[in-house]
Each structure stands twice: as C-alpha cells, then as structure tokens.
Amino acid sequence: MKGFILLALLSGVLSGLLPSLSNPVFASEGESKGEAKQIPIMLYFSRTDCHYCRNFEEDILKPLINSGTYSAKIIIREVELDSSQPARTFGHKLKTPEELAQMLDVQVTPTLLFVDNNGAELVSRIVGYQKTGYYSYHLEEAINQAGEALRNH
C-alpha cells in the first residue's frame, strides 16, 4: 500500500536537528540503520506557513530530538510539503513531497505517520496538533507501539 518513503525534506527550522536530503543516494545512514535494526520511521508532514507545525516543533519535536531519549527507538524525517525538491523513495522512484502526500493520503499538516522500512503504516497516524499535555503522551505511545508492531511484524 504505502511502499514509498521520502528520505528527508527539511524546513530551515529543523535543518540542524534532522539529516537533510543533500545527496541523491537511495538510503541515508539512518534508513540503513532502520532496516538493519528494524527501527520504525516517523514521517512528519509539514508546511512552512503552518503555525501548528512550528508550535509542534518548538513544544514537542525539538525537545524530543535534543533529549536523545528516542534516538534508538525511531527515525524521524520531515516531509516539507512546500518544497518542490524530489526525493528517492524506497521504490527508487523520484517523488515530490506533494506526490508522496497524495499517495499516503496526507491532507492536513502537521501529520505524523509511523511506518516500516517499506512504507507500511504500523500504527494510527497522528493528525494535527493541540497544546495539551496529552499530545506528548499520545506521541510516546505511538512511538512505542510502532516499535512493538515492527518487532511482531
């Protein structure tokens, strides 16, 4: 169903925290590790003009990445929907972020998908962002459940 994964298209806000798609190689070091270690991948779909995305990044994503707590549990990649830069998918086909969003039925930003190294969704996606204490809890649960689903896959 969803056999394509975008490697990494990043906004300027997170460029220092997440690897960027700077070379056209099929898999970056993170995806290779994900395949070898069976680590789930979280695809974060965003837009530069999405204030909910910026709030999510500041409140949740940056602290999560900086803590290092989940670096062994999940590979995080941002799909910047306003970018026109194509990226190679696991099917070796070039896809723009919009094409990938259409394939994966992503209609709202922010949207988080938790997938395996073939692009299959492991757990329910998280759509939207609200500043509540429960959001961090739901994200943590999704990360843990994605890892469990992948181990039982």
Protein backbone atom coordinates (compact mmCIF):
# COMPACT_ATOMS: atom_id res chain seq x y z
CA MET A 1 0.00 0.00 0.00
CA LYS A 2 2.42 2.65 1.08
CA GLY A 3 5.69 1.24 -0.18
CA PHE A 4 7.38 4.58 -0.61
CA ILE A 5 9.29 6.59 1.94
CA LEU A 6 10.67 10.03 1.46
CA LEU A 7 14.20 10.16 2.78
CA ALA A 8 14.29 13.70 4.16
CA LEU A 9 13.00 17.08 3.10
CA LEU A 10 13.54 19.57 5.84
CA SER A 11 12.48 23.07 6.68
CA GLY A 12 15.10 25.53 7.88
CA VAL A 13 13.78 25.27 11.43
CA LEU A 14 14.85 21.66 11.88
CA SER A 15 17.79 21.51 9.49
CA GLY A 16 20.27 21.41 12.34
CA LEU A 17 18.42 18.62 14.12
CA LEU A 18 17.47 16.21 11.33
CA PRO A 19 19.58 14.99 8.41
CA SER A 20 18.83 16.73 5.15
CA LEU A 21 18.49 15.28 1.69
CA SER A 22 21.78 16.68 0.46
CA ASN A 23 22.77 13.80 -1.78
CA PRO A 24 20.66 11.64 -4.05
CA VAL A 25 21.76 8.35 -2.52
CA PHE A 26 18.88 5.92 -2.07
CA ALA A 27 19.17 5.36 1.67
CA SER A 28 20.85 7.57 4.20
CA GLU A 29 22.68 6.20 7.20
CA GLY A 30 19.50 6.42 9.32
CA GLU A 31 17.38 4.38 6.94
CA SER A 32 20.13 1.79 6.61
CA LYS A 33 20.20 1.51 10.39
CA GLY A 34 16.42 1.37 10.46
CA GLU A 35 16.44 -1.52 8.05
CA ALA A 36 19.17 -3.37 9.92
CA LYS A 37 17.82 -2.73 13.42
CA GLN A 38 14.14 -2.71 12.45
CA ILE A 39 13.54 0.76 13.82
CA PRO A 40 10.26 2.42 12.82
CA ILE A 41 10.31 5.67 10.88
CA MET A 42 8.18 8.67 11.79
CA LEU A 43 7.31 10.81 8.77
CA TYR A 44 6.41 14.34 9.85
CA PHE A 45 4.46 16.18 7.14
CA SER A 46 4.65 19.98 7.47
CA ARG A 47 4.38 23.27 5.61
CA THR A 48 6.44 26.40 6.22
CA ASP A 49 3.31 28.53 6.76
CA CYS A 50 1.74 26.07 9.22
CA HIS A 51 1.79 27.66 12.68
CA TYR A 52 0.63 24.37 14.23
CA CYS A 53 3.75 22.77 12.72
CA ARG A 54 6.02 25.44 14.24
CA ASN A 55 4.34 25.00 17.63
CA PHE A 56 4.73 21.21 17.40
CA GLU A 57 8.42 21.61 16.53
CA GLU A 58 9.11 24.01 19.41
CA ASP A 59 6.97 22.28 22.04
CA ILE A 60 7.49 18.62 21.18
CA LEU A 61 9.86 17.73 18.35
CA LYS A 62 12.95 19.78 19.24
CA PRO A 63 12.92 18.68 22.91
CA LEU A 64 12.35 15.06 21.82
CA ILE A 65 15.31 15.14 19.42
CA ASN A 66 17.59 17.06 21.77
CA SER A 67 16.88 14.68 24.66
CA GLY A 68 18.22 11.72 22.70
CA THR A 69 15.67 9.54 24.51
CA TYR A 70 14.14 8.16 21.34
CA SER A 71 17.16 8.09 19.02
CA ALA A 72 17.37 4.30 19.30
CA LYS A 73 13.58 3.86 19.05
CA ILE A 74 12.58 5.87 15.98
CA ILE A 75 14.00 7.53 12.89
CA ILE A 76 12.39 10.95 12.35
CA ARG A 77 12.09 12.50 8.90
CA GLU A 78 10.29 15.71 7.93
CA VAL A 79 8.43 15.96 4.63
CA GLU A 80 8.23 19.68 3.81
CA LEU A 81 5.19 19.89 1.54
CA ASP A 82 6.04 23.30 0.07
CA SER A 83 9.34 22.01 -1.23
CA SER A 84 9.50 21.04 -4.87
CA GLN A 85 12.72 19.07 -4.40
CA PRO A 86 12.04 15.44 -5.30
CA ALA A 87 13.47 12.64 -3.21
CA ARG A 88 14.05 8.99 -3.90
CA THR A 89 11.58 6.62 -2.32
CA PHE A 90 12.25 3.06 -1.30
CA GLY A 91 10.86 2.13 -4.69
CA HIS A 92 13.77 4.11 -6.20
CA LYS A 93 11.31 6.49 -7.86
CA LEU A 94 11.60 10.24 -7.53
CA LYS A 95 8.58 11.77 -5.81
CA THR A 96 7.85 15.34 -4.82
CA PRO A 97 6.57 15.89 -1.28
CA GLU A 98 3.09 16.63 -2.67
CA GLU A 99 3.10 13.38 -4.66
CA LEU A 100 4.11 11.46 -1.55
CA ALA A 101 1.39 13.17 0.49
CA GLN A 102 -1.21 12.22 -2.12
CA MET A 103 -0.01 8.61 -2.19
CA LEU A 104 -0.18 8.39 1.60
CA ASP A 105 -3.46 10.33 1.82
CA VAL A 106 -1.98 13.13 3.95
CA GLN A 107 -4.33 16.11 3.80
CA VAL A 108 -3.53 18.16 6.90
CA THR A 109 -0.35 19.45 8.50
CA PRO A 110 1.08 18.50 10.81
CA THR A 111 0.57 14.79 10.25
CA LEU A 112 2.76 12.07 11.73
CA LEU A 113 2.96 8.64 10.09
CA PHE A 114 4.72 5.70 11.72
CA VAL A 115 5.98 3.31 9.06
CA ASP A 116 8.34 0.40 8.49
CA ASN A 117 11.26 0.49 6.04
CA ASN A 118 8.88 -0.42 3.19
CA GLY A 119 6.47 2.42 3.97
CA ALA A 120 3.69 0.36 5.54
CA GLU A 121 1.92 2.15 8.39
CA LEU A 122 2.48 0.41 11.71
CA VAL A 123 0.05 2.32 13.97
CA SER A 124 -2.58 5.01 13.63
CA ARG A 125 -1.29 8.31 12.34
CA ILE A 126 -1.46 11.47 14.43
CA VAL A 127 -3.17 14.34 12.61
CA GLY A 128 -2.99 17.95 13.79
CA TYR A 129 -1.51 19.47 16.94
CA GLN A 130 -3.02 20.91 20.09
CA LYS A 131 -1.04 22.27 23.00
CA THR A 132 -2.14 19.80 25.65
CA GLY A 133 -0.25 17.56 28.00
CA TYR A 134 -1.84 14.59 26.29
CA TYR A 135 -0.13 15.17 22.92
CA SER A 136 3.29 14.14 24.26
CA TYR A 137 1.71 11.09 25.84
CA HIS A 138 -0.01 10.07 22.58
CA LEU A 139 3.22 10.58 20.62
CA GLU A 140 5.21 8.50 23.10
CA GLU A 141 2.58 5.75 22.92
CA ALA A 142 2.63 5.79 19.11
CA ILE A 143 6.44 5.51 19.06
CA ASN A 144 6.38 2.58 21.49
CA GLN A 145 3.51 0.84 19.67
CA ALA A 146 5.24 1.29 16.29
CA GLY A 147 8.36 -0.37 17.68
CA GLU A 148 6.30 -3.21 19.10
CA ALA A 149 4.37 -3.63 15.84
CA LEU A 150 7.62 -3.77 13.90
CA ARG A 151 9.10 -6.40 16.22
CA ASN A 152 5.94 -8.51 15.82
CA HIS A 153 5.83 -7.91 12.07
